[in-house]
């Protein structure tokens, strides 16, 4: 089974202009490194347009586009983004263009309803993760929304964004009620404990080790550290070493390394006492440079690097695990 365990969908704000500006901010470093925009000053509107990041042509991503861009994949986990205010704008997963069957005017307040609607559109392909923000209306409201999302909407997990929403995953009053509810509901929790190129994101809330208290308090909770904790890769791996129910998805990280570096990363994991069964493939689709097919080929072709270097090959069943079997077991889609 091939599963992309980290994908996004729909829009992040009702305002198309805001969506574009938000995307450009996060992608500025990428476009500069590729020489598409100036690195010594902020790009002009025309320079952004010439780079390909056009306001007019930026694609709308709905269920059909996600399926189209995932040929050869059996399933995709689609992640919600819970509401928060940024620069006076209420953002979060929103169906700006009326793609889903959720009634009424578009609003990030309905983020989990939109994710559930995406799953309904193709339940064989999509697995939906809710999102809640305990700093938005308080932890009690966040817990109630999480329970509704799982018990009424049928979502399979939850994605949390501490650094973006400015709350600490170590906060026992703000964060722990959400982790406790997830443990009670028996769902996995994916947490963005990794860096971000967004200027407003708080790096002091991003380190993977901030989940250590969660692992000690909620021993049976299945935790997924998003993006392998980049740039704190080894710190994330040590959390996997220490806590039996911690996992990570390799999105973002896999796109920043060469084929040889990725092979050496997998060897490093096992030397670090992290079984490859704890790694989940993720693309961070539809982010720029995050082509699910190319990244899948990087994983499944990794032994070409082993052969070239004259080093040990990685067992095919371990690569199959990364590509989806590990996620399937984590989600209870298959039995051991």
Protein backbone atom coordinates (compact mmCIF):
# COMPACT_ATOMS: atom_id res chain seq x y z
CA UNK A 1 0.00 0.00 0.00
CA UNK A 2 1.38 3.42 -0.98
CA UNK A 3 0.26 6.33 1.20
CA UNK A 4 1.20 10.00 1.15
CA UNK A 5 0.92 10.77 4.87
CA UNK A 6 1.29 14.55 4.60
CA UNK A 7 -0.80 16.51 2.11
CA UNK A 8 -2.83 19.71 2.15
CA UNK A 9 -5.88 20.75 0.18
CA UNK A 10 -8.23 23.67 -0.63
CA UNK A 11 -7.25 27.22 0.43
CA UNK A 12 -5.87 28.82 3.57
CA UNK A 13 -7.93 32.04 3.51
CA UNK A 14 -11.05 33.35 1.83
CA UNK A 15 -9.06 36.15 0.19
CA UNK A 16 -7.22 34.91 -2.92
CA UNK A 17 -4.71 37.78 -2.68
CA UNK A 18 -3.86 36.80 0.89
CA UNK A 19 -3.40 33.16 -0.14
CA UNK A 20 -0.93 34.21 -2.82
CA UNK A 21 1.02 36.57 -0.56
CA UNK A 22 1.17 33.94 2.19
CA UNK A 23 2.48 31.38 -0.25
CA UNK A 24 5.07 33.75 -1.62
CA UNK A 25 6.36 34.56 1.85
CA UNK A 26 6.97 30.91 2.64
CA UNK A 27 8.47 30.20 -0.79
CA UNK A 28 10.71 33.27 -1.00
CA UNK A 29 13.79 31.36 0.17
CA UNK A 30 13.16 28.61 -2.42
CA UNK A 31 12.70 31.01 -5.31
CA UNK A 32 15.80 32.95 -4.28
CA UNK A 33 17.90 29.78 -4.08
CA UNK A 34 16.78 28.88 -7.61
CA UNK A 35 17.66 32.34 -8.91
CA UNK A 36 14.08 33.09 -9.88
CA UNK A 37 13.81 36.27 -7.77
CA UNK A 38 16.44 38.68 -6.40
CA UNK A 39 18.21 37.62 -3.22
CA UNK A 40 19.41 41.12 -2.20
CA UNK A 41 15.97 42.75 -1.99
CA UNK A 42 12.28 41.88 -1.99
CA UNK A 43 10.90 40.98 -5.42
CA UNK A 44 8.62 43.32 -7.28
CA UNK A 45 5.18 42.14 -8.36
CA UNK A 46 6.45 41.74 -11.92
CA UNK A 47 9.43 39.68 -10.75
CA UNK A 48 7.09 37.38 -8.86
CA UNK A 49 4.93 37.03 -11.96
CA UNK A 50 7.96 36.30 -14.12
CA UNK A 51 9.14 33.66 -11.65
CA UNK A 52 6.01 31.60 -12.25
CA UNK A 53 4.36 32.44 -8.93
CA UNK A 54 1.57 34.28 -10.67
CA UNK A 55 -1.54 35.56 -8.97
CA UNK A 56 -3.60 34.65 -12.00
CA UNK A 57 -2.24 31.19 -12.58
CA UNK A 58 -1.71 29.66 -9.15
CA UNK A 59 -3.63 26.34 -9.11
CA UNK A 60 -6.68 25.50 -7.05
CA UNK A 61 -6.18 22.18 -5.27
CA UNK A 62 -9.28 20.11 -4.68
CA UNK A 63 -9.83 16.34 -4.43
CA UNK A 64 -9.64 15.84 -8.21
CA UNK A 65 -6.31 17.65 -8.46
CA UNK A 66 -4.86 15.72 -5.52
CA UNK A 67 -5.82 12.38 -7.08
CA UNK A 68 -4.46 13.51 -10.45
CA UNK A 69 -1.12 14.46 -8.93
CA UNK A 70 -0.79 11.19 -6.97
CA UNK A 71 -0.67 8.52 -9.70
CA UNK A 72 0.29 5.17 -8.23
CA UNK A 73 -0.75 6.14 -4.69
CA UNK A 74 -3.46 4.20 -2.90
CA UNK A 75 -4.29 6.79 -0.25
CA UNK A 76 -3.49 10.33 0.86
CA UNK A 77 -3.81 11.81 4.34
CA UNK A 78 -5.33 15.29 3.97
CA UNK A 79 -4.57 17.64 6.85
CA UNK A 80 -6.77 20.41 8.16
CA UNK A 81 -5.46 23.78 9.33
CA UNK A 82 -7.40 25.14 12.30
CA UNK A 83 -8.43 28.81 12.53
CA UNK A 84 -6.08 31.53 13.70
CA UNK A 85 -5.65 35.24 13.12
CA UNK A 86 -2.66 36.39 11.09
CA UNK A 87 -2.16 40.04 10.16
CA UNK A 88 -5.82 40.66 11.00
CA UNK A 89 -7.00 37.88 8.67
CA UNK A 90 -8.79 34.74 9.90
CA UNK A 91 -6.99 31.88 8.19
CA UNK A 92 -7.36 28.11 8.16
CA UNK A 93 -8.55 25.47 5.73
CA UNK A 94 -11.39 26.99 3.73
CA UNK A 95 -13.26 26.04 0.56
CA UNK A 96 -12.95 29.42 -1.15
CA UNK A 97 -14.13 28.14 -4.53
CA UNK A 98 -17.08 25.94 -3.50
CA UNK A 99 -15.42 22.63 -4.35
CA UNK A 100 -16.94 20.62 -1.49
CA UNK A 101 -20.55 20.01 -0.47
CA UNK A 102 -20.27 22.01 2.79
CA UNK A 103 -23.12 24.56 2.74
CA UNK A 104 -22.99 28.26 3.53
CA UNK A 105 -20.40 30.96 2.94
CA UNK A 106 -16.75 29.87 3.10
CA UNK A 107 -15.10 30.18 6.51
CA UNK A 108 -12.01 28.72 8.23
CA UNK A 109 -14.34 27.98 11.14
CA UNK A 110 -15.53 25.00 9.06
CA UNK A 111 -12.04 23.61 8.46
CA UNK A 112 -12.86 20.15 9.76
CA UNK A 113 -16.14 20.02 7.86
CA UNK A 114 -14.21 20.71 4.66
CA UNK A 115 -11.72 17.92 5.36
CA UNK A 116 -14.59 15.53 6.08
CA UNK A 117 -16.21 16.57 2.80
CA UNK A 118 -12.99 15.82 0.92
CA UNK A 119 -12.97 12.33 2.47
CA UNK A 120 -16.63 11.81 1.50
CA UNK A 121 -15.79 12.70 -2.08
CA UNK A 122 -13.47 9.67 -2.37
CA UNK A 123 -13.34 7.64 0.86
CA UNK A 124 -11.17 4.96 -0.73
CA UNK A 125 -8.40 7.47 -1.45
CA UNK A 126 -8.57 10.13 1.29
CA UNK A 127 -7.90 9.85 5.01
CA UNK A 128 -8.85 12.99 6.91
CA UNK A 129 -7.05 14.55 9.86
CA UNK A 130 -8.82 17.28 11.79
CA UNK A 131 -7.11 20.31 13.28
CA UNK A 132 -7.84 22.32 16.41
CA UNK A 133 -6.21 25.40 17.90
CA UNK A 134 -6.43 25.58 21.72
CA UNK A 135 -5.26 29.21 21.64
CA UNK A 136 -8.16 30.30 19.42
CA UNK A 137 -11.22 29.82 21.63
CA UNK A 138 -9.52 27.98 24.49
CA UNK A 139 -8.72 24.33 25.18
CA UNK A 140 -12.29 23.39 26.15
CA UNK A 141 -13.64 24.49 22.77
CA UNK A 142 -10.72 22.78 21.03
CA UNK A 143 -11.46 19.49 22.77
CA UNK A 144 -15.16 19.74 21.91
CA UNK A 145 -14.32 20.39 18.26
CA UNK A 146 -11.89 17.49 18.19
CA UNK A 147 -14.50 15.13 19.59
CA UNK A 148 -17.05 16.35 17.03
CA UNK A 149 -14.55 15.90 14.23
CA UNK A 150 -13.84 12.30 15.18
CA UNK A 151 -17.18 11.10 16.53
CA UNK A 152 -19.51 12.94 14.13
CA UNK A 153 -17.41 13.72 11.07
CA UNK A 154 -15.43 10.48 11.12
CA UNK A 155 -11.95 12.00 10.85
CA UNK A 156 -9.03 9.69 11.66
CA UNK A 157 -6.46 11.88 13.42
CA UNK A 158 -5.54 15.44 14.31
CA UNK A 159 -2.84 17.84 13.12
CA UNK A 160 -1.56 20.54 15.49
CA UNK A 161 0.39 23.71 14.65
CA UNK A 162 1.92 25.14 17.88
CA UNK A 163 4.57 27.34 16.28
CA UNK A 164 2.15 28.91 13.81
CA UNK A 165 -0.55 29.51 16.41
CA UNK A 166 1.79 30.63 19.20
CA UNK A 167 1.14 28.05 21.90
CA UNK A 168 3.54 25.66 23.56
CA UNK A 169 3.03 21.88 23.27
CA UNK A 170 4.48 21.70 26.78
CA UNK A 171 1.71 23.88 28.25
CA UNK A 172 -0.30 21.63 30.55
CA UNK A 173 -3.29 23.98 30.62
CA UNK A 174 -3.46 24.86 26.92
CA UNK A 175 -2.01 21.85 25.11
CA UNK A 176 -2.44 18.83 27.35
CA UNK A 177 -6.26 18.75 27.23
CA UNK A 178 -6.02 18.26 23.46
CA UNK A 179 -3.44 15.48 23.77
CA UNK A 180 -5.57 13.86 26.48
CA UNK A 181 -8.66 13.98 24.27
CA UNK A 182 -6.75 12.44 21.36
CA UNK A 183 -5.53 9.65 23.64
CA UNK A 184 -9.08 9.05 24.85
CA UNK A 185 -10.37 8.98 21.25
CA UNK A 186 -7.60 6.60 20.23
CA UNK A 187 -6.41 8.72 17.30
CA UNK A 188 -2.88 9.66 16.23
CA UNK A 189 -1.64 13.22 16.66
CA UNK A 190 0.59 14.84 14.05
CA UNK A 191 2.43 17.89 15.38
CA UNK A 192 4.34 20.45 13.35
CA UNK A 193 7.45 20.31 15.53
CA UNK A 194 9.80 21.58 12.85
CA UNK A 195 10.98 24.85 11.43
CA UNK A 196 9.09 27.17 9.13
CA UNK A 197 10.02 29.87 6.65
CA UNK A 198 6.99 31.92 7.71
CA UNK A 199 8.16 35.06 9.46
CA UNK A 200 5.37 35.02 12.07
CA UNK A 201 6.00 31.38 13.05
CA UNK A 202 7.64 31.02 16.47
CA UNK A 203 10.75 28.87 16.29
CA UNK A 204 10.94 28.68 20.08
CA UNK A 205 7.82 26.49 20.03
CA UNK A 206 9.07 24.29 17.19
CA UNK A 207 11.73 21.99 18.61
CA UNK A 208 10.86 18.26 18.63
CA UNK A 209 12.12 17.86 22.22
CA UNK A 210 9.17 19.98 23.34
CA UNK A 211 7.09 16.82 22.86
CA UNK A 212 9.06 14.95 25.52
CA UNK A 213 6.56 15.79 28.27
CA UNK A 214 3.75 14.58 26.00
CA UNK A 215 5.52 11.27 25.47
CA UNK A 216 6.10 10.82 29.19
CA UNK A 217 2.54 11.79 30.16
CA UNK A 218 0.59 9.98 27.42
CA UNK A 219 2.46 6.70 27.01
CA UNK A 220 -0.03 5.13 24.59
CA UNK A 221 -0.64 8.19 22.40
CA UNK A 222 0.56 7.77 18.82
CA UNK A 223 2.53 10.91 17.93
CA UNK A 224 3.82 11.83 14.48
CA UNK A 225 6.50 14.51 14.34
CA UNK A 226 5.90 16.32 11.06
CA UNK A 227 8.74 16.97 8.60
CA UNK A 228 11.23 14.88 10.61
CA UNK A 229 11.71 17.92 12.83
CA UNK A 230 13.80 19.78 10.23
CA UNK A 231 16.20 21.47 10.98
CA UNK A 232 16.46 19.46 14.21
CA UNK A 233 16.65 16.08 12.47
CA UNK A 234 18.67 14.24 15.11
CA UNK A 235 16.57 15.71 17.90
CA UNK A 236 13.43 14.35 16.23
CA UNK A 237 15.07 10.98 15.73
CA UNK A 238 16.00 10.84 19.40
CA UNK A 239 12.37 11.44 20.32
CA UNK A 240 11.59 8.36 18.20
CA UNK A 241 14.38 6.47 19.94
CA UNK A 242 13.09 7.37 23.38
CA UNK A 243 9.32 7.11 22.99
CA UNK A 244 7.91 3.81 21.70
CA UNK A 245 4.81 5.35 20.11
CA UNK A 246 6.51 8.27 18.36
CA UNK A 247 6.82 8.33 14.57
CA UNK A 248 7.82 10.90 11.97
CA UNK A 249 6.91 11.76 8.43
CA UNK A 250 9.80 12.62 6.11
CA UNK A 251 8.08 15.39 4.14
CA UNK A 252 10.09 18.59 3.59
CA UNK A 253 13.28 16.85 4.74
CA UNK A 254 13.28 14.41 1.81
CA UNK A 255 12.99 17.29 -0.66
CA UNK A 256 16.06 19.05 0.77
CA UNK A 257 18.56 16.18 0.40
CA UNK A 258 20.18 14.45 -2.55
CA UNK A 259 19.52 10.80 -3.36
CA UNK A 260 22.81 9.82 -1.72
CA UNK A 261 22.10 11.93 1.35
CA UNK A 262 18.68 10.29 1.69
CA UNK A 263 20.24 6.82 1.57
CA UNK A 264 22.73 7.85 4.25
CA UNK A 265 19.87 9.31 6.32
CA UNK A 266 18.11 5.94 6.36
CA UNK A 267 21.31 4.19 7.45
CA UNK A 268 21.79 6.89 10.10
CA UNK A 269 18.28 6.25 11.47
CA UNK A 270 19.04 2.63 12.23
CA UNK A 271 22.44 3.53 13.68
CA UNK A 272 20.52 6.01 15.86
CA UNK A 273 18.34 3.10 17.08
CA UNK A 274 15.35 4.28 15.06
CA UNK A 275 13.72 1.40 13.17
CA UNK A 276 12.63 2.42 9.69
CA UNK A 277 9.16 1.18 10.64
CA UNK A 278 8.78 4.53 12.44
CA UNK A 279 9.18 6.55 9.21
CA UNK A 280 6.20 7.61 7.07
CA UNK A 281 6.40 8.91 3.53
CA UNK A 282 4.98 12.42 3.12
CA UNK A 283 5.25 14.96 0.32
CA UNK A 284 3.78 18.15 1.84
CA UNK A 285 1.82 18.40 -1.42
CA UNK A 286 1.05 20.79 -3.06
CA UNK A 287 4.07 22.74 -1.83
CA UNK A 288 6.58 23.89 -4.40
CA UNK A 289 9.23 21.24 -5.24
CA UNK A 290 7.16 18.59 -3.48
CA UNK A 291 6.16 16.33 -6.38
CA UNK A 292 4.76 13.14 -4.77
CA UNK A 293 5.86 10.94 -7.68
CA UNK A 294 9.46 12.21 -7.76
CA UNK A 295 9.75 11.87 -3.99
CA UNK A 296 8.27 8.36 -4.11
CA UNK A 297 10.87 7.43 -6.71
CA UNK A 298 13.60 8.77 -4.42
CA UNK A 299 12.53 6.34 -1.69
CA UNK A 300 11.96 3.29 -3.88
CA UNK A 301 15.15 3.92 -5.85
CA UNK A 302 17.37 4.45 -2.83
CA UNK A 303 19.24 1.17 -3.32
CA UNK A 304 20.70 2.51 -6.53
CA UNK A 305 22.76 4.71 -4.23
CA UNK A 306 23.72 1.74 -2.10
CA UNK A 307 24.95 -0.13 -5.16
CA UNK A 308 26.81 2.90 -6.50
CA UNK A 309 28.56 3.41 -3.18
CA UNK A 310 29.20 -0.27 -2.58
CA UNK A 311 27.31 -0.13 0.71
CA UNK A 312 24.58 -2.35 2.18
CA UNK A 313 21.18 -2.29 0.50
CA UNK A 314 18.05 -1.48 2.48
CA UNK A 315 15.52 -4.31 2.60
CA UNK A 316 12.62 -3.83 0.22
CA UNK A 317 10.06 -4.49 2.96
CA UNK A 318 11.49 -1.55 4.91
CA UNK A 319 11.15 0.73 1.89
CA UNK A 320 7.60 -0.54 1.34
CA UNK A 321 6.95 0.26 4.98
CA UNK A 322 8.10 3.85 4.57
CA UNK A 323 6.00 4.22 1.43
CA UNK A 324 2.78 3.27 3.15
CA UNK A 325 2.72 0.05 5.13
CA UNK A 326 3.94 1.85 8.28
CA UNK A 327 1.19 4.45 8.00
CA UNK A 328 -1.38 1.74 7.32
CA UNK A 329 -0.40 -0.07 10.52
CA UNK A 330 -0.34 3.17 12.50
CA UNK A 331 -3.88 3.98 11.33
CA UNK A 332 -5.16 0.45 11.88
CA UNK A 333 -5.83 -0.11 8.17
CA UNK A 334 -3.94 -3.41 8.35
CA UNK A 335 -3.15 -5.75 11.19
CA UNK A 336 0.32 -6.96 12.19
